[in-house]
């Protein structure tokens, strides 16, 4: 089953490809618009990874760490929108601080409210 991120057509179309693990990969600067679309669709960007694409695979270049400063998440769905906005603002800031070249991609760790509940 596809994750909820991949179910949003405008996000899936913005992907530059998929990783070996079948995760959507995005390039700069399009990834910033993808994060905004996540916010519009109530999908929290829990983390951002940057990979260098090599002929032999992917090399991790950097990882976000804002998740270490975030609360554990809302207990009720009523708090989800605020949690999404806070996470996604951190994700946007991370992307601004870590722009990439043509040989690198971003992979977003995401969760909708449904997926977030399943992680518990």
C-alpha atoms as a PDB file:
ATOM      1  CA  UNK A   1       0.000   0.000   0.000  1.00  0.00           C
ATOM      2  CA  UNK A   2       1.278   3.460  -0.870  1.00  0.00           C
ATOM      3  CA  UNK A   3       1.822   5.888   1.955  1.00  0.00           C
ATOM      4  CA  UNK A   4      -0.495   8.882   2.121  1.00  0.00           C
ATOM      5  CA  UNK A   5       2.207  11.202   0.729  1.00  0.00           C
ATOM      6  CA  UNK A   6       2.302   9.223  -2.522  1.00  0.00           C
ATOM      7  CA  UNK A   7      -1.509   9.317  -2.724  1.00  0.00           C
ATOM      8  CA  UNK A   8      -1.507  13.107  -3.221  1.00  0.00           C
ATOM      9  CA  UNK A   9      -1.326  13.391  -6.990  1.00  0.00           C
ATOM     10  CA  UNK A  10       0.373  16.808  -7.114  1.00  0.00           C
ATOM     11  CA  UNK A  11       3.080  15.561  -4.755  1.00  0.00           C
ATOM     12  CA  UNK A  12       3.618  12.290  -6.617  1.00  0.00           C
ATOM     13  CA  UNK A  13       3.947  14.223  -9.900  1.00  0.00           C
ATOM     14  CA  UNK A  14       6.558  16.536  -8.344  1.00  0.00           C
ATOM     15  CA  UNK A  15       8.838  13.619  -7.473  1.00  0.00           C
ATOM     16  CA  UNK A  16      12.000  13.326  -9.532  1.00  0.00           C
ATOM     17  CA  UNK A  17      11.978   9.570  -9.018  1.00  0.00           C
ATOM     18  CA  UNK A  18      11.999   6.887  -6.358  1.00  0.00           C
ATOM     19  CA  UNK A  19      14.716   5.508  -4.150  1.00  0.00           C
ATOM     20  CA  UNK A  20      15.683   1.845  -3.992  1.00  0.00           C
ATOM     21  CA  UNK A  21      13.263   1.600  -1.048  1.00  0.00           C
ATOM     22  CA  UNK A  22      10.476   2.990  -3.278  1.00  0.00           C
ATOM     23  CA  UNK A  23      10.332   6.332  -1.441  1.00  0.00           C
ATOM     24  CA  UNK A  24       9.560   9.470  -3.408  1.00  0.00           C
ATOM     25  CA  UNK A  25      12.656  11.590  -4.097  1.00  0.00           C
ATOM     26  CA  UNK A  26      12.543  15.338  -4.743  1.00  0.00           C
ATOM     27  CA  UNK A  27      15.010  17.879  -6.081  1.00  0.00           C
ATOM     28  CA  UNK A  28      15.739  21.453  -5.076  1.00  0.00           C
ATOM     29  CA  UNK A  29      13.920  23.837  -5.253  1.00  0.00           C
ATOM     30  CA  UNK A  30      10.750  21.810  -5.959  1.00  0.00           C
ATOM     31  CA  UNK A  31      10.976  20.135  -2.559  1.00  0.00           C
ATOM     32  CA  UNK A  32       9.937  23.410  -0.881  1.00  0.00           C
ATOM     33  CA  UNK A  33       6.656  23.414  -2.821  1.00  0.00           C
ATOM     34  CA  UNK A  34       6.156  19.745  -1.947  1.00  0.00           C
ATOM     35  CA  UNK A  35       6.444  20.598   1.756  1.00  0.00           C
ATOM     36  CA  UNK A  36       3.824  23.339   1.306  1.00  0.00           C
ATOM     37  CA  UNK A  37       1.547  20.813  -0.413  1.00  0.00           C
ATOM     38  CA  UNK A  38       2.068  18.473   2.523  1.00  0.00           C
ATOM     39  CA  UNK A  39       0.856  21.222   4.855  1.00  0.00           C
ATOM     40  CA  UNK A  40      -2.219  21.819   2.668  1.00  0.00           C
ATOM     41  CA  UNK A  41      -2.979  18.082   2.810  1.00  0.00           C
ATOM     42  CA  UNK A  42      -2.387  17.764   6.568  1.00  0.00           C
ATOM     43  CA  UNK A  43       0.709  15.595   6.125  1.00  0.00           C
ATOM     44  CA  UNK A  44       3.470  16.228   8.652  1.00  0.00           C
ATOM     45  CA  UNK A  45       7.064  16.198   7.410  1.00  0.00           C
ATOM     46  CA  UNK A  46       8.708  14.491  10.378  1.00  0.00           C
ATOM     47  CA  UNK A  47      12.215  14.558   8.908  1.00  0.00           C
ATOM     48  CA  UNK A  48      14.261  15.358   5.818  1.00  0.00           C
ATOM     49  CA  UNK A  49      17.195  13.379   4.419  1.00  0.00           C
ATOM     50  CA  UNK A  50      19.531  14.528   1.667  1.00  0.00           C
ATOM     51  CA  UNK A  51      21.194  11.873  -0.485  1.00  0.00           C
ATOM     52  CA  UNK A  52      23.850  12.111  -3.157  1.00  0.00           C
ATOM     53  CA  UNK A  53      22.880   9.960  -6.118  1.00  0.00           C
ATOM     54  CA  UNK A  54      25.750   7.761  -7.270  1.00  0.00           C
ATOM     55  CA  UNK A  55      25.929   5.022  -9.886  1.00  0.00           C
ATOM     56  CA  UNK A  56      26.276   2.487  -7.070  1.00  0.00           C
ATOM     57  CA  UNK A  57      23.428   3.850  -4.931  1.00  0.00           C
ATOM     58  CA  UNK A  58      22.732   6.644  -2.514  1.00  0.00           C
ATOM     59  CA  UNK A  59      25.123   8.342  -0.084  1.00  0.00           C
ATOM     60  CA  UNK A  60      23.606  10.133   2.898  1.00  0.00           C
ATOM     61  CA  UNK A  61      24.784  13.750   2.917  1.00  0.00           C
ATOM     62  CA  UNK A  62      22.779  15.234   5.799  1.00  0.00           C
ATOM     63  CA  UNK A  63      19.759  14.611   7.985  1.00  0.00           C
ATOM     64  CA  UNK A  64      17.420  17.023   9.710  1.00  0.00           C
ATOM     65  CA  UNK A  65      17.318  16.915  13.489  1.00  0.00           C
ATOM     66  CA  UNK A  66      14.378  19.188  14.262  1.00  0.00           C
ATOM     67  CA  UNK A  67      12.373  16.127  15.259  1.00  0.00           C
ATOM     68  CA  UNK A  68      14.539  15.989  18.392  1.00  0.00           C
ATOM     69  CA  UNK A  69      13.092  19.357  19.479  1.00  0.00           C
ATOM     70  CA  UNK A  70       9.480  18.554  18.659  1.00  0.00           C
ATOM     71  CA  UNK A  71       6.933  17.265  21.104  1.00  0.00           C
ATOM     72  CA  UNK A  72       5.811  13.684  20.670  1.00  0.00           C
ATOM     73  CA  UNK A  73       2.712  14.779  18.775  1.00  0.00           C
ATOM     74  CA  UNK A  74      -0.907  15.427  19.602  1.00  0.00           C
ATOM     75  CA  UNK A  75      -3.050  12.882  21.375  1.00  0.00           C
ATOM     76  CA  UNK A  76      -6.206  14.155  19.655  1.00  0.00           C
ATOM     77  CA  UNK A  77      -6.802  14.944  16.005  1.00  0.00           C
ATOM     78  CA  UNK A  78      -7.780  18.500  16.995  1.00  0.00           C
ATOM     79  CA  UNK A  79      -4.082  19.291  17.563  1.00  0.00           C
ATOM     80  CA  UNK A  80      -2.893  17.728  14.306  1.00  0.00           C
ATOM     81  CA  UNK A  81      -3.040  20.875  12.137  1.00  0.00           C
ATOM     82  CA  UNK A  82      -0.783  22.790  14.548  1.00  0.00           C
ATOM     83  CA  UNK A  83       1.630  19.860  14.720  1.00  0.00           C
ATOM     84  CA  UNK A  84       1.756  19.660  10.914  1.00  0.00           C
ATOM     85  CA  UNK A  85       2.430  23.398  10.579  1.00  0.00           C
ATOM     86  CA  UNK A  86       5.219  23.341  13.189  1.00  0.00           C
ATOM     87  CA  UNK A  87       6.972  20.320  11.661  1.00  0.00           C
ATOM     88  CA  UNK A  88       6.637  21.585   8.123  1.00  0.00           C
ATOM     89  CA  UNK A  89       8.001  25.034   8.985  1.00  0.00           C
ATOM     90  CA  UNK A  90      11.078  23.273  10.384  1.00  0.00           C
ATOM     91  CA  UNK A  91      11.307  21.170   7.213  1.00  0.00           C
ATOM     92  CA  UNK A  92      11.106  24.281   5.003  1.00  0.00           C
ATOM     93  CA  UNK A  93      13.849  25.952   7.054  1.00  0.00           C
ATOM     94  CA  UNK A  94      16.050  22.858   6.772  1.00  0.00           C
ATOM     95  CA  UNK A  95      15.684  22.891   2.975  1.00  0.00           C
ATOM     96  CA  UNK A  96      16.547  26.604   2.826  1.00  0.00           C
ATOM     97  CA  UNK A  97      19.687  25.936   4.871  1.00  0.00           C
ATOM     98  CA  UNK A  98      20.638  22.868   2.781  1.00  0.00           C
ATOM     99  CA  UNK A  99      20.068  23.607  -0.909  1.00  0.00           C
ATOM    100  CA  UNK A 100      21.372  20.850  -3.153  1.00  0.00           C
ATOM    101  CA  UNK A 101      22.827  20.369  -6.597  1.00  0.00           C
ATOM    102  CA  UNK A 102      21.672  18.221  -9.484  1.00  0.00           C
ATOM    103  CA  UNK A 103      23.305  15.104  -8.060  1.00  0.00           C
ATOM    104  CA  UNK A 104      21.349  15.135  -4.790  1.00  0.00           C
ATOM    105  CA  UNK A 105      17.763  14.384  -3.745  1.00  0.00           C
ATOM    106  CA  UNK A 106      15.590  14.943  -0.713  1.00  0.00           C
ATOM    107  CA  UNK A 107      13.553  12.176   0.887  1.00  0.00           C
ATOM    108  CA  UNK A 108      10.806  13.230   3.271  1.00  0.00           C
ATOM    109  CA  UNK A 109       9.713  11.142   6.234  1.00  0.00           C
ATOM    110  CA  UNK A 110       6.028  11.935   6.523  1.00  0.00           C
ATOM    111  CA  UNK A 111       2.831  10.965   8.279  1.00  0.00           C
ATOM    112  CA  UNK A 112      -0.833  11.777   7.891  1.00  0.00           C
ATOM    113  CA  UNK A 113      -2.988  11.654  11.034  1.00  0.00           C
ATOM    114  CA  UNK A 114      -3.978   8.067  10.109  1.00  0.00           C
ATOM    115  CA  UNK A 115      -0.356   6.997   9.651  1.00  0.00           C
ATOM    116  CA  UNK A 116       0.699   8.803  12.818  1.00  0.00           C
ATOM    117  CA  UNK A 117      -1.885   6.818  14.802  1.00  0.00           C
ATOM    118  CA  UNK A 118      -0.616   3.572  13.284  1.00  0.00           C
ATOM    119  CA  UNK A 119       2.937   4.371  14.466  1.00  0.00           C
ATOM    120  CA  UNK A 120       1.878   4.399  18.088  1.00  0.00           C
END
